[in-house]
mmCIF file of all heavy atoms, coordinates in Angstrom:
data_MODEL
# 
_entry.id   MODEL 
# 
loop_
_atom_site.group_PDB 
_atom_site.id 
_atom_site.type_symbol 
_atom_site.label_atom_id 
_atom_site.label_alt_id 
_atom_site.label_comp_id 
_atom_site.label_asym_id 
_atom_site.label_entity_id 
_atom_site.label_seq_id 
_atom_site.pdbx_PDB_ins_code 
_atom_site.Cartn_x 
_atom_site.Cartn_y 
_atom_site.Cartn_z 
_atom_site.occupancy 
_atom_site.B_iso_or_equiv 
_atom_site.pdbx_formal_charge 
_atom_site.auth_seq_id 
_atom_site.auth_comp_id 
_atom_site.auth_asym_id 
_atom_site.auth_atom_id 
_atom_site.pdbx_PDB_model_num 
ATOM 1   N N   . LYS A 1 1  ? 18.315 49.140 -55.752 1.00 0.00 ? 1  LYS A N   1 
ATOM 2   C CA  . LYS A 1 1  ? 17.020 49.830 -55.635 1.00 0.00 ? 1  LYS A CA  1 
ATOM 3   C C   . LYS A 1 1  ? 16.206 49.286 -54.470 1.00 0.00 ? 1  LYS A C   1 
ATOM 4   O O   . LYS A 1 1  ? 15.329 49.953 -53.955 1.00 0.00 ? 1  LYS A O   1 
ATOM 5   C CB  . LYS A 1 1  ? 16.229 49.696 -56.934 1.00 0.00 ? 1  LYS A CB  1 
ATOM 6   C CG  . LYS A 1 1  ? 16.850 50.475 -58.065 1.00 0.00 ? 1  LYS A CG  1 
ATOM 7   C CD  . LYS A 1 1  ? 16.019 50.403 -59.317 1.00 0.00 ? 1  LYS A CD  1 
ATOM 8   C CE  . LYS A 1 1  ? 16.735 51.213 -60.389 1.00 0.00 ? 1  LYS A CE  1 
ATOM 9   N NZ  . LYS A 1 1  ? 15.968 51.345 -61.600 1.00 0.00 ? 1  LYS A NZ  1 
ATOM 10  N N   . LYS A 1 2  ? 16.481 48.052 -54.086 1.00 0.00 ? 2  LYS A N   1 
ATOM 11  C CA  . LYS A 1 2  ? 15.875 47.451 -52.903 1.00 0.00 ? 2  LYS A CA  1 
ATOM 12  C C   . LYS A 1 2  ? 17.012 46.842 -52.093 1.00 0.00 ? 2  LYS A C   1 
ATOM 13  O O   . LYS A 1 2  ? 18.147 46.755 -52.564 1.00 0.00 ? 2  LYS A O   1 
ATOM 14  C CB  . LYS A 1 2  ? 14.836 46.400 -53.297 1.00 0.00 ? 2  LYS A CB  1 
ATOM 15  C CG  . LYS A 1 2  ? 15.396 45.276 -54.147 1.00 0.00 ? 2  LYS A CG  1 
ATOM 16  C CD  . LYS A 1 2  ? 14.324 44.311 -54.577 1.00 0.00 ? 2  LYS A CD  1 
ATOM 17  C CE  . LYS A 1 2  ? 14.954 43.185 -55.388 1.00 0.00 ? 2  LYS A CE  1 
ATOM 18  N NZ  . LYS A 1 2  ? 13.994 42.199 -55.822 1.00 0.00 ? 2  LYS A NZ  1 
ATOM 19  N N   . GLU A 1 3  ? 16.712 46.424 -50.874 1.00 0.00 ? 3  GLU A N   1 
ATOM 20  C CA  . GLU A 1 3  ? 17.754 45.878 -50.014 1.00 0.00 ? 3  GLU A CA  1 
ATOM 21  C C   . GLU A 1 3  ? 18.224 44.503 -50.490 1.00 0.00 ? 3  GLU A C   1 
ATOM 22  O O   . GLU A 1 3  ? 17.410 43.641 -50.801 1.00 0.00 ? 3  GLU A O   1 
ATOM 23  C CB  . GLU A 1 3  ? 17.252 45.748 -48.577 1.00 0.00 ? 3  GLU A CB  1 
ATOM 24  C CG  . GLU A 1 3  ? 17.191 47.054 -47.853 1.00 0.00 ? 3  GLU A CG  1 
ATOM 25  C CD  . GLU A 1 3  ? 16.851 46.884 -46.381 1.00 0.00 ? 3  GLU A CD  1 
ATOM 26  O OE1 . GLU A 1 3  ? 16.419 45.788 -45.963 1.00 0.00 ? 3  GLU A OE1 1 
ATOM 27  O OE2 . GLU A 1 3  ? 17.025 47.871 -45.651 1.00 0.00 ? 3  GLU A OE2 1 
ATOM 28  N N   . ALA A 1 4  ? 19.515 44.334 -50.536 1.00 0.00 ? 4  ALA A N   1 
ATOM 29  C CA  . ALA A 1 4  ? 20.112 43.027 -50.847 1.00 0.00 ? 4  ALA A CA  1 
ATOM 30  C C   . ALA A 1 4  ? 20.369 42.305 -49.534 1.00 0.00 ? 4  ALA A C   1 
ATOM 31  O O   . ALA A 1 4  ? 20.805 42.912 -48.556 1.00 0.00 ? 4  ALA A O   1 
ATOM 32  C CB  . ALA A 1 4  ? 21.409 43.215 -51.607 1.00 0.00 ? 4  ALA A CB  1 
ATOM 33  N N   . LYS A 1 5  ? 20.097 41.003 -49.515 1.00 0.00 ? 5  LYS A N   1 
ATOM 34  C CA  . LYS A 1 5  ? 20.311 40.210 -48.301 1.00 0.00 ? 5  LYS A CA  1 
ATOM 35  C C   . LYS A 1 5  ? 21.279 39.059 -48.508 1.00 0.00 ? 5  LYS A C   1 
ATOM 36  O O   . LYS A 1 5  ? 21.893 38.588 -47.567 1.00 0.00 ? 5  LYS A O   1 
ATOM 37  C CB  . LYS A 1 5  ? 18.973 39.673 -47.795 1.00 0.00 ? 5  LYS A CB  1 
ATOM 38  C CG  . LYS A 1 5  ? 18.034 40.783 -47.380 1.00 0.00 ? 5  LYS A CG  1 
ATOM 39  C CD  . LYS A 1 5  ? 16.689 40.244 -46.988 1.00 0.00 ? 5  LYS A CD  1 
ATOM 40  C CE  . LYS A 1 5  ? 15.764 41.410 -46.666 1.00 0.00 ? 5  LYS A CE  1 
ATOM 41  N NZ  . LYS A 1 5  ? 14.354 41.025 -46.682 1.00 0.00 ? 5  LYS A NZ  1 
ATOM 42  N N   . THR A 1 6  ? 21.393 38.580 -49.768 1.00 0.00 ? 6  THR A N   1 
ATOM 43  C CA  . THR A 1 6  ? 22.316 37.485 -50.055 1.00 0.00 ? 6  THR A CA  1 
ATOM 44  C C   . THR A 1 6  ? 23.088 37.769 -51.339 1.00 0.00 ? 6  THR A C   1 
ATOM 45  O O   . THR A 1 6  ? 22.649 38.543 -52.199 1.00 0.00 ? 6  THR A O   1 
ATOM 46  C CB  . THR A 1 6  ? 21.592 36.123 -50.208 1.00 0.00 ? 6  THR A CB  1 
ATOM 47  O OG1 . THR A 1 6  ? 20.665 36.215 -51.278 1.00 0.00 ? 6  THR A OG1 1 
ATOM 48  C CG2 . THR A 1 6  ? 20.898 35.712 -48.936 1.00 0.00 ? 6  THR A CG2 1 
ATOM 49  N N   . PHE A 1 7  ? 24.238 37.121 -51.447 1.00 0.00 ? 7  PHE A N   1 
ATOM 50  C CA  . PHE A 1 7  ? 25.115 37.206 -52.615 1.00 0.00 ? 7  PHE A CA  1 
ATOM 51  C C   . PHE A 1 7  ? 25.265 35.799 -53.161 1.00 0.00 ? 7  PHE A C   1 
ATOM 52  O O   . PHE A 1 7  ? 25.455 34.847 -52.398 1.00 0.00 ? 7  PHE A O   1 
ATOM 53  C CB  . PHE A 1 7  ? 26.479 37.760 -52.199 1.00 0.00 ? 7  PHE A CB  1 
ATOM 54  C CG  . PHE A 1 7  ? 27.525 37.716 -53.272 1.00 0.00 ? 7  PHE A CG  1 
ATOM 55  C CD1 . PHE A 1 7  ? 27.524 38.639 -54.309 1.00 0.00 ? 7  PHE A CD1 1 
ATOM 56  C CD2 . PHE A 1 7  ? 28.521 36.750 -53.248 1.00 0.00 ? 7  PHE A CD2 1 
ATOM 57  C CE1 . PHE A 1 7  ? 28.494 38.603 -55.296 1.00 0.00 ? 7  PHE A CE1 1 
ATOM 58  C CE2 . PHE A 1 7  ? 29.493 36.704 -54.219 1.00 0.00 ? 7  PHE A CE2 1 
ATOM 59  C CZ  . PHE A 1 7  ? 29.479 37.637 -55.253 1.00 0.00 ? 7  PHE A CZ  1 
ATOM 60  N N   . LYS A 1 8  ? 25.171 35.649 -54.486 1.00 0.00 ? 8  LYS A N   1 
ATOM 61  C CA  . LYS A 1 8  ? 25.281 34.349 -55.128 1.00 0.00 ? 8  LYS A CA  1 
ATOM 62  C C   . LYS A 1 8  ? 26.283 34.463 -56.270 1.00 0.00 ? 8  LYS A C   1 
ATOM 63  O O   . LYS A 1 8  ? 26.318 35.470 -56.973 1.00 0.00 ? 8  LYS A O   1 
ATOM 64  C CB  . LYS A 1 8  ? 23.904 33.948 -55.665 1.00 0.00 ? 8  LYS A CB  1 
ATOM 65  C CG  . LYS A 1 8  ? 23.776 32.537 -56.116 1.00 0.00 ? 8  LYS A CG  1 
ATOM 66  C CD  . LYS A 1 8  ? 22.310 32.295 -56.491 1.00 0.00 ? 8  LYS A CD  1 
ATOM 67  C CE  . LYS A 1 8  ? 22.005 30.853 -56.656 1.00 0.00 ? 8  LYS A CE  1 
ATOM 68  N NZ  . LYS A 1 8  ? 20.593 30.638 -56.985 1.00 0.00 ? 8  LYS A NZ  1 
ATOM 69  N N   . VAL A 1 9  ? 27.084 33.400 -56.477 1.00 0.00 ? 9  VAL A N   1 
ATOM 70  C CA  . VAL A 1 9  ? 28.129 33.425 -57.500 1.00 0.00 ? 9  VAL A CA  1 
ATOM 71  C C   . VAL A 1 9  ? 28.298 32.031 -58.092 1.00 0.00 ? 9  VAL A C   1 
ATOM 72  O O   . VAL A 1 9  ? 28.090 31.033 -57.403 1.00 0.00 ? 9  VAL A O   1 
ATOM 73  C CB  . VAL A 1 9  ? 29.456 33.955 -56.901 1.00 0.00 ? 9  VAL A CB  1 
ATOM 74  C CG1 . VAL A 1 9  ? 29.993 33.028 -55.836 1.00 0.00 ? 9  VAL A CG1 1 
ATOM 75  C CG2 . VAL A 1 9  ? 30.499 34.218 -57.963 1.00 0.00 ? 9  VAL A CG2 1 
ATOM 76  N N   . SER A 1 10 ? 28.656 31.972 -59.367 1.00 0.00 ? 10 SER A N   1 
ATOM 77  C CA  . SER A 1 10 ? 29.002 30.709 -60.024 1.00 0.00 ? 10 SER A CA  1 
ATOM 78  C C   . SER A 1 10 ? 30.516 30.645 -60.146 1.00 0.00 ? 10 SER A C   1 
ATOM 79  O O   . SER A 1 10 ? 31.144 31.555 -60.709 1.00 0.00 ? 10 SER A O   1 
ATOM 80  C CB  . SER A 1 10 ? 28.353 30.644 -61.412 1.00 0.00 ? 10 SER A CB  1 
ATOM 81  O OG  . SER A 1 10 ? 28.804 29.499 -62.106 1.00 0.00 ? 10 SER A OG  1 
ATOM 82  N N   . ALA A 1 11 ? 31.105 29.557 -59.611 1.00 0.00 ? 11 ALA A N   1 
ATOM 83  C CA  . ALA A 1 11 ? 32.565 29.439 -59.589 1.00 0.00 ? 11 ALA A CA  1 
ATOM 84  C C   . ALA A 1 11 ? 32.992 27.997 -59.807 1.00 0.00 ? 11 ALA A C   1 
ATOM 85  O O   . ALA A 1 11 ? 32.227 27.059 -59.603 1.00 0.00 ? 11 ALA A O   1 
ATOM 86  C CB  . ALA A 1 11 ? 33.113 29.934 -58.249 1.00 0.00 ? 11 ALA A CB  1 
ATOM 87  N N   . SER A 1 12 ? 34.238 27.841 -60.235 1.00 0.00 ? 12 SER A N   1 
ATOM 88  C CA  . SER A 1 12 ? 34.885 26.533 -60.304 1.00 0.00 ? 12 SER A CA  1 
ATOM 89  C C   . SER A 1 12 ? 36.218 26.665 -59.585 1.00 0.00 ? 12 SER A C   1 
ATOM 90  O O   . SER A 1 12 ? 36.863 27.709 -59.657 1.00 0.00 ? 12 SER A O   1 
ATOM 91  C CB  . SER A 1 12 ? 35.075 26.089 -61.759 1.00 0.00 ? 12 SER A CB  1 
ATOM 92  O OG  . SER A 1 12 ? 36.010 26.908 -62.420 1.00 0.00 ? 12 SER A OG  1 
ATOM 93  N N   . ALA A 1 13 ? 36.624 25.609 -58.877 1.00 0.00 ? 13 ALA A N   1 
ATOM 94  C CA  . ALA A 1 13 ? 37.828 25.736 -58.053 1.00 0.00 ? 13 ALA A CA  1 
ATOM 95  C C   . ALA A 1 13 ? 38.487 24.402 -57.785 1.00 0.00 ? 13 ALA A C   1 
ATOM 96  O O   . ALA A 1 13 ? 37.812 23.394 -57.601 1.00 0.00 ? 13 ALA A O   1 
ATOM 97  C CB  . ALA A 1 13 ? 37.471 26.384 -56.718 1.00 0.00 ? 13 ALA A CB  1 
ATOM 98  N N   . ILE A 1 14 ? 39.805 24.419 -57.747 1.00 0.00 ? 14 ILE A N   1 
ATOM 99  C CA  . ILE A 1 14 ? 40.563 23.288 -57.226 1.00 0.00 ? 14 ILE A CA  1 
ATOM 100 C C   . ILE A 1 14 ? 40.898 23.601 -55.768 1.00 0.00 ? 14 ILE A C   1 
ATOM 101 O O   . ILE A 1 14 ? 40.565 22.860 -54.868 1.00 0.00 ? 14 ILE A O   1 
ATOM 102 C CB  . ILE A 1 14 ? 41.836 23.023 -58.053 1.00 0.00 ? 14 ILE A CB  1 
ATOM 103 C CG1 . ILE A 1 14 ? 41.442 22.552 -59.458 1.00 0.00 ? 14 ILE A CG1 1 
ATOM 104 C CG2 . ILE A 1 14 ? 42.718 21.999 -57.354 1.00 0.00 ? 14 ILE A CG2 1 
ATOM 105 C CD1 . ILE A 1 14 ? 42.591 22.376 -60.408 1.00 0.00 ? 14 ILE A CD1 1 
ATOM 106 N N   . THR A 1 15 ? 41.538 24.745 -55.537 1.00 0.00 ? 15 THR A N   1 
ATOM 107 C CA  . THR A 1 15 ? 41.934 25.165 -54.193 1.00 0.00 ? 15 THR A CA  1 
ATOM 108 C C   . THR A 1 15 ? 40.779 25.807 -53.441 1.00 0.00 ? 15 THR A C   1 
ATOM 109 O O   . THR A 1 15 ? 40.497 25.455 -52.311 1.00 0.00 ? 15 THR A O   1 
ATOM 110 C CB  . THR A 1 15 ? 43.108 26.170 -54.266 1.00 0.00 ? 15 THR A CB  1 
ATOM 111 O OG1 . THR A 1 15 ? 44.153 25.589 -55.036 1.00 0.00 ? 15 THR A OG1 1 
ATOM 112 C CG2 . THR A 1 15 ? 43.622 26.533 -52.899 1.00 0.00 ? 15 THR A CG2 1 
ATOM 113 N N   . GLY A 1 16 ? 40.138 26.781 -54.059 1.00 0.00 ? 16 GLY A N   1 
ATOM 114 C CA  . GLY A 1 16 ? 39.088 27.544 -53.392 1.00 0.00 ? 16 GLY A CA  1 
ATOM 115 C C   . GLY A 1 16 ? 39.665 28.723 -52.634 1.00 0.00 ? 16 GLY A C   1 
ATOM 116 O O   . GLY A 1 16 ? 40.874 28.975 -52.641 1.00 0.00 ? 16 GLY A O   1 
ATOM 117 N N   . GLY A 1 17 ? 38.801 29.467 -51.981 1.00 0.00 ? 17 GLY A N   1 
ATOM 118 C CA  . GLY A 1 17 ? 39.190 30.664 -51.244 1.00 0.00 ? 17 GLY A CA  1 
ATOM 119 C C   . GLY A 1 17 ? 37.939 31.406 -50.833 1.00 0.00 ? 17 GLY A C   1 
ATOM 120 O O   . GLY A 1 17 ? 36.880 30.807 -50.670 1.00 0.00 ? 17 GLY A O   1 
ATOM 121 N N   . THR A 1 18 ? 38.052 32.726 -50.685 1.00 0.00 ? 18 THR A N   1 
ATOM 122 C CA  . THR A 1 18 ? 36.901 33.539 -50.311 1.00 0.00 ? 18 THR A CA  1 
ATOM 123 C C   . THR A 1 18 ? 36.818 34.786 -51.182 1.00 0.00 ? 18 THR A C   1 
ATOM 124 O O   . THR A 1 18 ? 37.811 35.229 -51.751 1.00 0.00 ? 18 THR A O   1 
ATOM 125 C CB  . THR A 1 18 ? 36.951 33.978 -48.833 1.00 0.00 ? 18 THR A CB  1 
ATOM 126 O OG1 . THR A 1 18 ? 38.123 34.765 -48.628 1.00 0.00 ? 18 THR A OG1 1 
ATOM 127 C CG2 . THR A 1 18 ? 36.943 32.798 -47.888 1.00 0.00 ? 18 THR A CG2 1 
ATOM 128 N N   . ILE A 1 19 ? 35.605 35.325 -51.246 1.00 0.00 ? 19 ILE A N   1 
ATOM 129 C CA  . ILE A 1 19 ? 35.369 36.616 -51.894 1.00 0.00 ? 19 ILE A CA  1 
ATOM 130 C C   . ILE A 1 19 ? 34.878 37.564 -50.810 1.00 0.00 ? 19 ILE A C   1 
ATOM 131 O O   . ILE A 1 19 ? 33.825 37.331 -50.210 1.00 0.00 ? 19 ILE A O   1 
ATOM 132 C CB  . ILE A 1 19 ? 34.301 36.518 -53.001 1.00 0.00 ? 19 ILE A CB  1 
ATOM 133 C CG1 . ILE A 1 19 ? 34.687 35.490 -54.052 1.00 0.00 ? 19 ILE A CG1 1 
ATOM 134 C CG2 . ILE A 1 19 ? 34.078 37.898 -53.630 1.00 0.00 ? 19 ILE A CG2 1 
ATOM 135 C CD1 . ILE A 1 19 ? 33.587 35.205 -55.069 1.00 0.00 ? 19 ILE A CD1 1 
ATOM 136 N N   . GLU A 1 20 ? 35.655 38.612 -50.531 1.00 0.00 ? 20 GLU A N   1 
ATOM 137 C CA  . GLU A 1 20 ? 35.203 39.670 -49.632 1.00 0.00 ? 20 GLU A CA  1 
ATOM 138 C C   . GLU A 1 20 ? 34.439 40.676 -50.487 1.00 0.00 ? 20 GLU A C   1 
ATOM 139 O O   . GLU A 1 20 ? 34.932 41.109 -51.522 1.00 0.00 ? 20 GLU A O   1 
ATOM 140 C CB  . GLU A 1 20 ? 36.386 40.371 -48.962 1.00 0.00 ? 20 GLU A CB  1 
ATOM 141 C CG  . GLU A 1 20 ? 37.142 39.517 -47.988 1.00 0.00 ? 20 GLU A CG  1 
ATOM 142 C CD  . GLU A 1 20 ? 38.260 40.292 -47.308 1.00 0.00 ? 20 GLU A CD  1 
ATOM 143 O OE1 . GLU A 1 20 ? 38.516 41.471 -47.671 1.00 0.00 ? 20 GLU A OE1 1 
ATOM 144 O OE2 . GLU A 1 20 ? 38.900 39.713 -46.410 1.00 0.00 ? 20 GLU A OE2 1 
ATOM 145 N N   . ILE A 1 21 ? 33.244 41.053 -50.053 1.00 0.00 ? 21 ILE A N   1 
ATOM 146 C CA  . ILE A 1 21 ? 32.404 41.984 -50.799 1.00 0.00 ? 21 ILE A CA  1 
ATOM 147 C C   . ILE A 1 21 ? 32.427 43.324 -50.077 1.00 0.00 ? 21 ILE A C   1 
ATOM 148 O O   . ILE A 1 21 ? 31.927 43.430 -48.947 1.00 0.00 ? 21 ILE A O   1 
ATOM 149 C CB  . ILE A 1 21 ? 30.961 41.445 -50.903 1.00 0.00 ? 21 ILE A CB  1 
ATOM 150 C CG1 . ILE A 1 21 ? 30.992 40.027 -51.482 1.00 0.00 ? 21 ILE A CG1 1 
ATOM 151 C CG2 . ILE A 1 21 ? 30.100 42.376 -51.743 1.00 0.00 ? 21 ILE A CG2 1 
ATOM 152 C CD1 . ILE A 1 21 ? 29.845 39.164 -51.029 1.00 0.00 ? 21 ILE A CD1 1 
ATOM 153 N N   . HIS A 1 22 ? 33.042 44.333 -50.717 1.00 0.00 ? 22 HIS A N   1 
ATOM 154 C CA  . HIS A 1 22 ? 33.191 45.657 -50.106 1.00 0.00 ? 22 HIS A CA  1 
ATOM 155 C C   . HIS A 1 22 ? 32.377 46.697 -50.859 1.00 0.00 ? 22 HIS A C   1 
ATOM 156 O O   . HIS A 1 22 ? 32.203 46.597 -52.078 1.00 0.00 ? 22 HIS A O   1 
ATOM 157 C CB  . HIS A 1 22 ? 34.667 46.093 -50.132 1.00 0.00 ? 22 HIS A CB  1 
ATOM 158 C CG  . HIS A 1 22 ? 35.547 45.286 -49.242 1.00 0.00 ? 22 HIS A CG  1 
ATOM 159 N ND1 . HIS A 1 22 ? 35.810 45.642 -47.938 1.00 0.00 ? 22 HIS A ND1 1 
ATOM 160 C CD2 . HIS A 1 22 ? 36.236 44.131 -49.452 1.00 0.00 ? 22 HIS A CD2 1 
ATOM 161 C CE1 . HIS A 1 22 ? 36.624 44.755 -47.393 1.00 0.00 ? 22 HIS A CE1 1 
ATOM 162 N NE2 . HIS A 1 22 ? 36.897 43.819 -48.293 1.00 0.00 ? 22 HIS A NE2 1 
ATOM 163 N N   . LEU A 1 23 ? 31.937 47.722 -50.133 1.00 0.00 ? 23 LEU A N   1 
ATOM 164 C CA  . LEU A 1 23 ? 31.230 48.838 -50.746 1.00 0.00 ? 23 LEU A CA  1 
ATOM 165 C C   . LEU A 1 23 ? 32.185 49.975 -51.061 1.00 0.00 ? 23 LEU A C   1 
ATOM 166 O O   . LEU A 1 23 ? 33.005 50.362 -50.219 1.00 0.00 ? 23 LEU A O   1 
ATOM 167 C CB  . LEU A 1 23 ? 30.159 49.391 -49.793 1.00 0.00 ? 23 LEU A CB  1 
ATOM 168 C CG  . LEU A 1 23 ? 28.803 48.711 -49.773 1.00 0.00 ? 23 LEU A CG  1 
ATOM 169 C CD1 . LEU A 1 23 ? 27.839 49.523 -48.916 1.00 0.00 ? 23 LEU A CD1 1 
ATOM 170 C CD2 . LEU A 1 23 ? 28.232 48.505 -51.151 1.00 0.00 ? 23 LEU A CD2 1 
ATOM 171 N N   . ASP A 1 24 ? 32.090 50.498 -52.264 1.00 0.00 ? 24 ASP A N   1 
ATOM 172 C CA  . ASP A 1 24 ? 32.714 51.734 -52.729 1.00 0.00 ? 24 ASP A CA  1 
ATOM 173 C C   . ASP A 1 24 ? 34.224 51.676 -52.971 1.00 0.00 ? 24 ASP A C   1 
ATOM 174 O O   . ASP A 1 24 ? 34.701 52.190 -53.959 1.00 0.00 ? 24 ASP A O   1 
ATOM 175 C CB  . ASP A 1 24 ? 32.346 52.912 -51.828 1.00 0.00 ? 24 ASP A CB  1 
ATOM 176 C CG  . ASP A 1 24 ? 30.831 53.115 -51.787 1.00 0.00 ? 24 ASP A CG  1 
ATOM 177 O OD1 . ASP A 1 24 ? 30.202 53.075 -52.868 1.00 0.00 ? 24 ASP A OD1 1 
ATOM 178 O OD2 . ASP A 1 24 ? 30.276 53.275 -50.693 1.00 0.00 ? 24 ASP A OD2 1 
ATOM 179 N N   . THR A 1 25 ? 35.002 51.059 -52.077 1.00 0.00 ? 25 THR A N   1 
ATOM 180 C CA  . THR A 1 25 ? 36.449 50.945 -52.290 1.00 0.00 ? 25 THR A CA  1 
ATOM 181 C C   . THR A 1 25 ? 36.914 49.573 -51.811 1.00 0.00 ? 25 THR A C   1 
ATOM 182 O O   . THR A 1 25 ? 36.183 48.861 -51.108 1.00 0.00 ? 25 THR A O   1 
ATOM 183 C CB  . THR A 1 25 ? 37.249 52.020 -51.505 1.00 0.00 ? 25 THR A CB  1 
ATOM 184 O OG1 . THR A 1 25 ? 37.108 51.754 -50.100 1.00 0.00 ? 25 THR A OG1 1 
ATOM 185 C CG2 . THR A 1 25 ? 36.769 53.438 -51.822 1.00 0.00 ? 25 THR A CG2 1 
ATOM 186 N N   . LYS A 1 26 ? 38.154 49.248 -52.140 1.00 0.00 ? 26 LYS A N   1 
ATOM 187 C CA  . LYS A 1 26 ? 38.745 47.966 -51.728 1.00 0.00 ? 26 LYS A CA  1 
ATOM 188 C C   . LYS A 1 26 ? 38.776 47.827 -50.201 1.00 0.00 ? 26 LYS A C   1 
ATOM 189 O O   . LYS A 1 26 ? 38.675 46.744 -49.666 1.00 0.00 ? 26 LYS A O   1 
ATOM 190 C CB  . LYS A 1 26 ? 40.158 47.857 -52.319 1.00 0.00 ? 26 LYS A CB  1 
ATOM 191 C CG  . LYS A 1 26 ? 40.813 46.519 -52.134 1.00 0.00 ? 26 LYS A CG  1 
ATOM 192 C CD  . LYS A 1 26 ? 42.168 46.472 -52.808 1.00 0.00 ? 26 LYS A CD  1 
ATOM 193 C CE  . LYS A 1 26 ? 42.887 45.175 -52.482 1.00 0.00 ? 26 LYS A CE  1 
ATOM 194 N NZ  . LYS A 1 26 ? 44.251 45.141 -52.964 1.00 0.00 ? 26 LYS A NZ  1 
# 
């Protein structure tokens, strides 16, 4: 409803990696 500027997530990891955030489809 308003503009988003940042993404926040709670995670636990040994290796780690990345999350790509896409709109509408993969």
